[in-house]
Amino acid sequence: SILTFPVLLAMGVPPLPANVTNSVGLTPIVIGT
């Protein structure tokens, strides 16, 4: 999240939407790992 959350912020997404969007987007990591 430390890597992707700032990218969303840099694209102009407010912190709360960025946080939930980031959490949803990183969920598939569990499948790969």
PDB file of all heavy atoms in Angstrom:
ATOM      1  N   SER A   1       0.815  -1.209   0.000  1.00  0.00           N
ATOM      2  CA  SER A   1       0.000   0.000   0.000  1.00  0.00           C
ATOM      3  C   SER A   1       0.852   1.265   0.000  1.00  0.00           C
ATOM      4  O   SER A   1       0.431   2.314  -0.502  1.00  0.00           O
ATOM      5  CB  SER A   1      -0.925   0.028   1.223  1.00  0.00           C
ATOM      6  OG  SER A   1      -1.903  -0.984   1.131  1.00  0.00           O
ATOM      7  N   ILE A   2       2.042   1.185   0.579  1.00  0.00           N
ATOM      8  CA  ILE A   2       2.915   2.349   0.605  1.00  0.00           C
ATOM      9  C   ILE A   2       3.322   2.745  -0.808  1.00  0.00           C
ATOM     10  O   ILE A   2       3.609   3.907  -1.085  1.00  0.00           O
ATOM     11  CB  ILE A   2       4.164   2.070   1.476  1.00  0.00           C
ATOM     12  CG1 ILE A   2       3.737   1.774   2.915  1.00  0.00           C
ATOM     13  CG2 ILE A   2       5.116   3.254   1.465  1.00  0.00           C
ATOM     14  CD1 ILE A   2       4.876   1.379   3.824  1.00  0.00           C
ATOM     15  N   LEU A   3       3.318   1.787  -1.718  1.00  0.00           N
ATOM     16  CA  LEU A   3       3.705   2.064  -3.099  1.00  0.00           C
ATOM     17  C   LEU A   3       2.537   2.553  -3.944  1.00  0.00           C
ATOM     18  O   LEU A   3       2.696   3.457  -4.766  1.00  0.00           O
ATOM     19  CB  LEU A   3       4.315   0.804  -3.728  1.00  0.00           C
ATOM     20  CG  LEU A   3       5.642   0.340  -3.125  1.00  0.00           C
ATOM     21  CD1 LEU A   3       6.006  -1.039  -3.644  1.00  0.00           C
ATOM     22  CD2 LEU A   3       6.751   1.332  -3.453  1.00  0.00           C
ATOM     23  N   THR A   4       1.363   1.967  -3.771  1.00  0.00           N
ATOM     24  CA  THR A   4       0.235   2.298  -4.648  1.00  0.00           C
ATOM     25  C   THR A   4      -0.612   3.458  -4.132  1.00  0.00           C
ATOM     26  O   THR A   4      -1.155   4.230  -4.925  1.00  0.00           O
ATOM     27  CB  THR A   4      -0.659   1.064  -4.856  1.00  0.00           C
ATOM     28  OG1 THR A   4      -0.932   0.463  -3.579  1.00  0.00           O
ATOM     29  CG2 THR A   4       0.017   0.046  -5.750  1.00  0.00           C
ATOM     30  N   PHE A   5      -0.749   3.593  -2.830  1.00  0.00           N
ATOM     31  CA  PHE A   5      -1.550   4.675  -2.262  1.00  0.00           C
ATOM     32  C   PHE A   5      -1.059   6.053  -2.712  1.00  0.00           C
ATOM     33  O   PHE A   5      -1.864   6.896  -3.139  1.00  0.00           O
ATOM     34  CB  PHE A   5      -1.558   4.549  -0.733  1.00  0.00           C
ATOM     35  CG  PHE A   5      -2.406   5.562  -0.019  1.00  0.00           C
ATOM     36  CD1 PHE A   5      -3.787   5.538  -0.133  1.00  0.00           C
ATOM     37  CD2 PHE A   5      -1.830   6.538   0.775  1.00  0.00           C
ATOM     38  CE1 PHE A   5      -4.582   6.469   0.531  1.00  0.00           C
ATOM     39  CE2 PHE A   5      -2.606   7.473   1.446  1.00  0.00           C
ATOM     40  CZ  PHE A   5      -3.983   7.433   1.315  1.00  0.00           C
ATOM     41  N   PRO A   6       0.249   6.334  -2.659  1.00  0.00           N
ATOM     42  CA  PRO A   6       0.721   7.641  -3.127  1.00  0.00           C
ATOM     43  C   PRO A   6       0.458   7.880  -4.617  1.00  0.00           C
ATOM     44  O   PRO A   6       0.270   9.031  -5.029  1.00  0.00           O
ATOM     45  CB  PRO A   6       2.234   7.601  -2.841  1.00  0.00           C
ATOM     46  CG  PRO A   6       2.395   6.581  -1.784  1.00  0.00           C
ATOM     47  CD  PRO A   6       1.341   5.552  -2.063  1.00  0.00           C
ATOM     48  N   VAL A   7       0.464   6.819  -5.416  1.00  0.00           N
ATOM     49  CA  VAL A   7       0.193   6.985  -6.846  1.00  0.00           C
ATOM     50  C   VAL A   7      -1.232   7.491  -7.046  1.00  0.00           C
ATOM     51  O   VAL A   7      -1.485   8.392  -7.855  1.00  0.00           O
ATOM     52  CB  VAL A   7       0.412   5.652  -7.600  1.00  0.00           C
ATOM     53  CG1 VAL A   7      -0.003   5.795  -9.065  1.00  0.00           C
ATOM     54  CG2 VAL A   7       1.873   5.226  -7.510  1.00  0.00           C
ATOM     55  N   LEU A   8      -2.177   6.927  -6.311  1.00  0.00           N
ATOM     56  CA  LEU A   8      -3.567   7.376  -6.398  1.00  0.00           C
ATOM     57  C   LEU A   8      -3.706   8.822  -5.924  1.00  0.00           C
ATOM     58  O   LEU A   8      -4.427   9.619  -6.533  1.00  0.00           O
ATOM     59  CB  LEU A   8      -4.470   6.463  -5.566  1.00  0.00           C
ATOM     60  CG  LEU A   8      -4.656   5.042  -6.118  1.00  0.00           C
ATOM     61  CD1 LEU A   8      -5.300   4.142  -5.071  1.00  0.00           C
ATOM     62  CD2 LEU A   8      -5.502   5.064  -7.384  1.00  0.00           C
ATOM     63  N   LEU A   9      -3.003   9.171  -4.857  1.00  0.00           N
ATOM     64  CA  LEU A   9      -3.043  10.548  -4.381  1.00  0.00           C
ATOM     65  C   LEU A   9      -2.481  11.501  -5.436  1.00  0.00           C
ATOM     66  O   LEU A   9      -3.027  12.591  -5.660  1.00  0.00           O
ATOM     67  CB  LEU A   9      -2.237  10.686  -3.082  1.00  0.00           C
ATOM     68  CG  LEU A   9      -2.766   9.963  -1.844  1.00  0.00           C
ATOM     69  CD1 LEU A   9      -1.815  10.174  -0.663  1.00  0.00           C
ATOM     70  CD2 LEU A   9      -4.167  10.446  -1.481  1.00  0.00           C
ATOM     71  N   ALA A  10      -1.394  11.092  -6.092  1.00  0.00           N
ATOM     72  CA  ALA A  10      -0.782  11.934  -7.122  1.00  0.00           C
ATOM     73  C   ALA A  10      -1.704  12.139  -8.315  1.00  0.00           C
ATOM     74  O   ALA A  10      -1.592  13.139  -9.035  1.00  0.00           O
ATOM     75  CB  ALA A  10       0.536  11.315  -7.581  1.00  0.00           C
ATOM     76  N   MET A  11      -2.621  11.205  -8.532  1.00  0.00           N
ATOM     77  CA  MET A  11      -3.585  11.325  -9.634  1.00  0.00           C
ATOM     78  C   MET A  11      -4.803  12.147  -9.244  1.00  0.00           C
ATOM     79  O   MET A  11      -5.766  12.247 -10.006  1.00  0.00           O
ATOM     80  CB  MET A  11      -4.016   9.928 -10.099  1.00  0.00           C
ATOM     81  CG  MET A  11      -2.912   9.156 -10.790  1.00  0.00           C
ATOM     82  SD  MET A  11      -3.453   7.503 -11.320  1.00  0.00           S
ATOM     83  CE  MET A  11      -1.949   6.925 -12.137  1.00  0.00           C
ATOM     84  N   GLY A  12      -4.774  12.716  -8.034  1.00  0.00           N
ATOM     85  CA  GLY A  12      -5.850  13.589  -7.610  1.00  0.00           C
ATOM     86  C   GLY A  12      -6.984  12.921  -6.877  1.00  0.00           C
ATOM     87  O   GLY A  12      -8.013  13.559  -6.618  1.00  0.00           O
ATOM     88  N   VAL A  13      -6.834  11.663  -6.515  1.00  0.00           N
ATOM     89  CA  VAL A  13      -7.896  10.964  -5.770  1.00  0.00           C
ATOM     90  C   VAL A  13      -7.794  11.374  -4.300  1.00  0.00           C
ATOM     91  O   VAL A  13      -6.720  11.274  -3.703  1.00  0.00           O
ATOM     92  CB  VAL A  13      -7.754   9.436  -5.908  1.00  0.00           C
ATOM     93  CG1 VAL A  13      -8.893   8.733  -5.181  1.00  0.00           C
ATOM     94  CG2 VAL A  13      -7.717   9.032  -7.371  1.00  0.00           C
ATOM     95  N   PRO A  14      -8.870  11.828  -3.674  1.00  0.00           N
ATOM     96  CA  PRO A  14      -8.836  12.204  -2.250  1.00  0.00           C
ATOM     97  C   PRO A  14      -8.438  11.014  -1.376  1.00  0.00           C
ATOM     98  O   PRO A  14      -8.629   9.848  -1.768  1.00  0.00           O
ATOM     99  CB  PRO A  14     -10.278  12.647  -1.963  1.00  0.00           C
ATOM    100  CG  PRO A  14     -10.821  13.040  -3.306  1.00  0.00           C
ATOM    101  CD  PRO A  14     -10.181  12.103  -4.285  1.00  0.00           C
ATOM    102  N   PRO A  15      -7.891  11.279  -0.181  1.00  0.00           N
ATOM    103  CA  PRO A  15      -7.356  10.195   0.658  1.00  0.00           C
ATOM    104  C   PRO A  15      -8.312   9.051   0.947  1.00  0.00           C
ATOM    105  O   PRO A  15      -7.929   7.884   0.851  1.00  0.00           O
ATOM    106  CB  PRO A  15      -6.955  10.925   1.945  1.00  0.00           C
ATOM    107  CG  PRO A  15      -6.600  12.291   1.484  1.00  0.00           C
ATOM    108  CD  PRO A  15      -7.576  12.602   0.383  1.00  0.00           C
ATOM    109  N   LEU A  16      -9.573   9.336   1.328  1.00  0.00           N
ATOM    110  CA  LEU A  16     -10.478   8.240   1.672  1.00  0.00           C
ATOM    111  C   LEU A  16     -10.815   7.379   0.455  1.00  0.00           C
ATOM    112  O   LEU A  16     -10.671   6.144   0.518  1.00  0.00           O
ATOM    113  CB  LEU A  16     -11.755   8.781   2.319  1.00  0.00           C
ATOM    114  CG  LEU A  16     -12.785   7.722   2.729  1.00  0.00           C
ATOM    115  CD1 LEU A  16     -12.170   6.709   3.684  1.00  0.00           C
ATOM    116  CD2 LEU A  16     -14.012   8.378   3.370  1.00  0.00           C
ATOM    117  N   PRO A  17     -11.245   7.943  -0.680  1.00  0.00           N
ATOM    118  CA  PRO A  17     -11.459   7.103  -1.869  1.00  0.00           C
ATOM    119  C   PRO A  17     -10.184   6.392  -2.315  1.00  0.00           C
ATOM    120  O   PRO A  17     -10.240   5.252  -2.793  1.00  0.00           O
ATOM    121  CB  PRO A  17     -11.938   8.099  -2.931  1.00  0.00           C
ATOM    122  CG  PRO A  17     -12.539   9.215  -2.163  1.00  0.00           C
ATOM    123  CD  PRO A  17     -11.701   9.321  -0.915  1.00  0.00           C
ATOM    124  N   ALA A  18      -9.038   7.062  -2.165  1.00  0.00           N
ATOM    125  CA  ALA A  18      -7.771   6.424  -2.542  1.00  0.00           C
ATOM    126  C   ALA A  18      -7.495   5.214  -1.667  1.00  0.00           C
ATOM    127  O   ALA A  18      -7.021   4.176  -2.145  1.00  0.00           O
ATOM    128  CB  ALA A  18      -6.618   7.433  -2.426  1.00  0.00           C
ATOM    129  N   ASN A  19      -7.803   5.322  -0.369  1.00  0.00           N
ATOM    130  CA  ASN A  19      -7.554   4.221   0.556  1.00  0.00           C
ATOM    131  C   ASN A  19      -8.405   3.007   0.224  1.00  0.00           C
ATOM    132  O   ASN A  19      -7.902   1.879   0.143  1.00  0.00           O
ATOM    133  CB  ASN A  19      -7.831   4.684   1.985  1.00  0.00           C
ATOM    134  CG  ASN A  19      -7.490   3.627   3.018  1.00  0.00           C
ATOM    135  OD1 ASN A  19      -6.452   2.975   2.950  1.00  0.00           O
ATOM    136  ND2 ASN A  19      -8.379   3.437   3.971  1.00  0.00           N
ATOM    137  N   VAL A  20      -9.710   3.212   0.000  1.00  0.00           N
ATOM    138  CA  VAL A  20     -10.579   2.074  -0.280  1.00  0.00           C
ATOM    139  C   VAL A  20     -10.305   1.504  -1.674  1.00  0.00           C
ATOM    140  O   VAL A  20     -10.358   0.279  -1.872  1.00  0.00           O
ATOM    141  CB  VAL A  20     -12.066   2.443  -0.110  1.00  0.00           C
ATOM    142  CG1 VAL A  20     -12.357   2.807   1.339  1.00  0.00           C
ATOM    143  CG2 VAL A  20     -12.480   3.584  -1.033  1.00  0.00           C
ATOM    144  N   THR A  21     -10.003   2.370  -2.631  1.00  0.00           N
ATOM    145  CA  THR A  21      -9.657   1.897  -3.975  1.00  0.00           C
ATOM    146  C   THR A  21      -8.382   1.076  -3.939  1.00  0.00           C
ATOM    147  O   THR A  21      -8.270   0.021  -4.584  1.00  0.00           O
ATOM    148  CB  THR A  21      -9.473   3.091  -4.936  1.00  0.00           C
ATOM    149  OG1 THR A  21     -10.707   3.822  -5.014  1.00  0.00           O
ATOM    150  CG2 THR A  21      -9.068   2.633  -6.327  1.00  0.00           C
ATOM    151  N   ASN A  22      -7.429   1.538  -3.162  1.00  0.00           N
ATOM    152  CA  ASN A  22      -6.162   0.838  -3.018  1.00  0.00           C
ATOM    153  C   ASN A  22      -6.362  -0.537  -2.388  1.00  0.00           C
ATOM    154  O   ASN A  22      -5.808  -1.537  -2.852  1.00  0.00           O
ATOM    155  CB  ASN A  22      -5.227   1.685  -2.156  1.00  0.00           C
ATOM    156  CG  ASN A  22      -3.804   1.188  -2.172  1.00  0.00           C
ATOM    157  OD1 ASN A  22      -3.226   0.969  -3.222  1.00  0.00           O
ATOM    158  ND2 ASN A  22      -3.223   1.011  -0.998  1.00  0.00           N
ATOM    159  N   SER A  23      -7.177  -0.598  -1.337  1.00  0.00           N
ATOM    160  CA  SER A  23      -7.437  -1.870  -0.667  1.00  0.00           C
ATOM    161  C   SER A  23      -8.083  -2.875  -1.609  1.00  0.00           C
ATOM    162  O   SER A  23      -7.706  -4.050  -1.655  1.00  0.00           O
ATOM    163  CB  SER A  23      -8.352  -1.654   0.548  1.00  0.00           C
ATOM    164  OG  SER A  23      -7.717  -0.860   1.523  1.00  0.00           O
ATOM    165  N   VAL A  24      -9.059  -2.411  -2.390  1.00  0.00           N
ATOM    166  CA  VAL A  24      -9.739  -3.296  -3.334  1.00  0.00           C
ATOM    167  C   VAL A  24      -8.773  -3.763  -4.417  1.00  0.00           C
ATOM    168  O   VAL A  24      -8.729  -4.951  -4.775  1.00  0.00           O
ATOM    169  CB  VAL A  24     -10.944  -2.574  -3.972  1.00  0.00           C
ATOM    170  CG1 VAL A  24     -11.532  -3.403  -5.108  1.00  0.00           C
ATOM    171  CG2 VAL A  24     -12.011  -2.294  -2.918  1.00  0.00           C
ATOM    172  N   GLY A  25      -7.969  -2.854  -4.931  1.00  0.00           N
ATOM    173  CA  GLY A  25      -7.055  -3.202  -6.015  1.00  0.00           C
ATOM    174  C   GLY A  25      -5.969  -4.186  -5.623  1.00  0.00           C
ATOM    175  O   GLY A  25      -5.509  -4.978  -6.452  1.00  0.00           O
ATOM    176  N   LEU A  26      -5.561  -4.154  -4.358  1.00  0.00           N
ATOM    177  CA  LEU A  26      -4.479  -5.038  -3.911  1.00  0.00           C
ATOM    178  C   LEU A  26      -4.966  -6.400  -3.429  1.00  0.00           C
ATOM    179  O   LEU A  26      -4.161  -7.273  -3.121  1.00  0.00           O
ATOM    180  CB  LEU A  26      -3.682  -4.351  -2.793  1.00  0.00           C
ATOM    181  CG  LEU A  26      -2.885  -3.114  -3.206  1.00  0.00           C
ATOM    182  CD1 LEU A  26      -2.240  -2.465  -1.990  1.00  0.00           C
ATOM    183  CD2 LEU A  26      -1.825  -3.455  -4.243  1.00  0.00           C
ATOM    184  N   THR A  27      -6.271  -6.586  -3.366  1.00  0.00           N
ATOM    185  CA  THR A  27      -6.821  -7.853  -2.882  1.00  0.00           C
ATOM    186  C   THR A  27      -6.325  -9.075  -3.651  1.00  0.00           C
ATOM    187  O   THR A  27      -6.045 -10.123  -3.042  1.00  0.00           O
ATOM    188  CB  THR A  27      -8.360  -7.810  -2.910  1.00  0.00           C
ATOM    189  OG1 THR A  27      -8.803  -6.778  -2.018  1.00  0.00           O
ATOM    190  CG2 THR A  27      -8.955  -9.133  -2.472  1.00  0.00           C
ATOM    191  N   PRO A  28      -6.183  -9.025  -4.991  1.00  0.00           N
ATOM    192  CA  PRO A  28      -5.735 -10.229  -5.713  1.00  0.00           C
ATOM    193  C   PRO A  28      -4.345 -10.723  -5.346  1.00  0.00           C
ATOM    194  O   PRO A  28      -3.967 -11.825  -5.750  1.00  0.00           O
ATOM    195  CB  PRO A  28      -5.768  -9.776  -7.181  1.00  0.00           C
ATOM    196  CG  PRO A  28      -6.788  -8.696  -7.224  1.00  0.00           C
ATOM    197  CD  PRO A  28      -6.612  -7.964  -5.927  1.00  0.00           C
ATOM    198  N   ILE A  29      -3.582  -9.929  -4.594  1.00  0.00           N
ATOM    199  CA  ILE A  29      -2.255 -10.395  -4.173  1.00  0.00           C
ATOM    200  C   ILE A  29      -2.361 -11.735  -3.465  1.00  0.00           C
ATOM    201  O   ILE A  29      -1.500 -12.607  -3.606  1.00  0.00           O
ATOM    202  CB  ILE A  29      -1.574  -9.354  -3.259  1.00  0.00           C
ATOM    203  CG1 ILE A  29      -1.183  -8.112  -4.065  1.00  0.00           C
ATOM    204  CG2 ILE A  29      -0.325  -9.941  -2.599  1.00  0.00           C
ATOM    205  CD1 ILE A  29      -0.576  -7.002  -3.217  1.00  0.00           C
ATOM    206  N   VAL A  30      -3.444 -11.923  -2.680  1.00  0.00           N
ATOM    207  CA  VAL A  30      -3.576 -13.161  -1.908  1.00  0.00           C
ATOM    208  C   VAL A  30      -3.634 -14.374  -2.830  1.00  0.00           C
ATOM    209  O   VAL A  30      -3.132 -15.455  -2.481  1.00  0.00           O
ATOM    210  CB  VAL A  30      -4.828 -13.109  -0.997  1.00  0.00           C
ATOM    211  CG1 VAL A  30      -6.107 -13.084  -1.807  1.00  0.00           C
ATOM    212  CG2 VAL A  30      -4.835 -14.276  -0.028  1.00  0.00           C
ATOM    213  N   ILE A  31      -4.223 -14.218  -4.015  1.00  0.00           N
ATOM    214  CA  ILE A  31      -4.308 -15.343  -4.943  1.00  0.00           C
ATOM    215  C   ILE A  31      -2.928 -15.715  -5.443  1.00  0.00           C
ATOM    216  O   ILE A  31      -2.512 -16.883  -5.420  1.00  0.00           O
ATOM    217  CB  ILE A  31      -5.238 -14.995  -6.122  1.00  0.00           C
ATOM    218  CG1 ILE A  31      -6.647 -14.652  -5.607  1.00  0.00           C
ATOM    219  CG2 ILE A  31      -5.293 -16.156  -7.114  1.00  0.00           C
ATOM    220  CD1 ILE A  31      -7.571 -14.139  -6.678  1.00  0.00           C
ATOM    221  N   GLY A  32      -2.199 -14.702  -5.905  1.00  0.00           N
ATOM    222  CA  GLY A  32      -0.863 -14.966  -6.440  1.00  0.00           C
ATOM    223  C   GLY A  32       0.094 -15.514  -5.399  1.00  0.00           C
ATOM    224  O   GLY A  32       0.845 -16.459  -5.662  1.00  0.00           O
ATOM    225  N   THR A  33       0.050 -14.939  -4.194  1.00  0.00           N
ATOM    226  CA  THR A  33       0.978 -15.404  -3.160  1.00  0.00           C
ATOM    227  C   THR A  33       0.627 -16.797  -2.658  1.00  0.00           C
ATOM    228  O   THR A  33       1.511 -17.602  -2.350  1.00  0.00           O
ATOM    229  CB  THR A  33       1.002 -14.419  -1.980  1.00  0.00           C
ATOM    230  OG1 THR A  33      -0.339 -14.198  -1.517  1.00  0.00           O
ATOM    231  CG2 THR A  33       1.605 -13.086  -2.388  1.00  0.00           C
TER     232      THR A  33
END
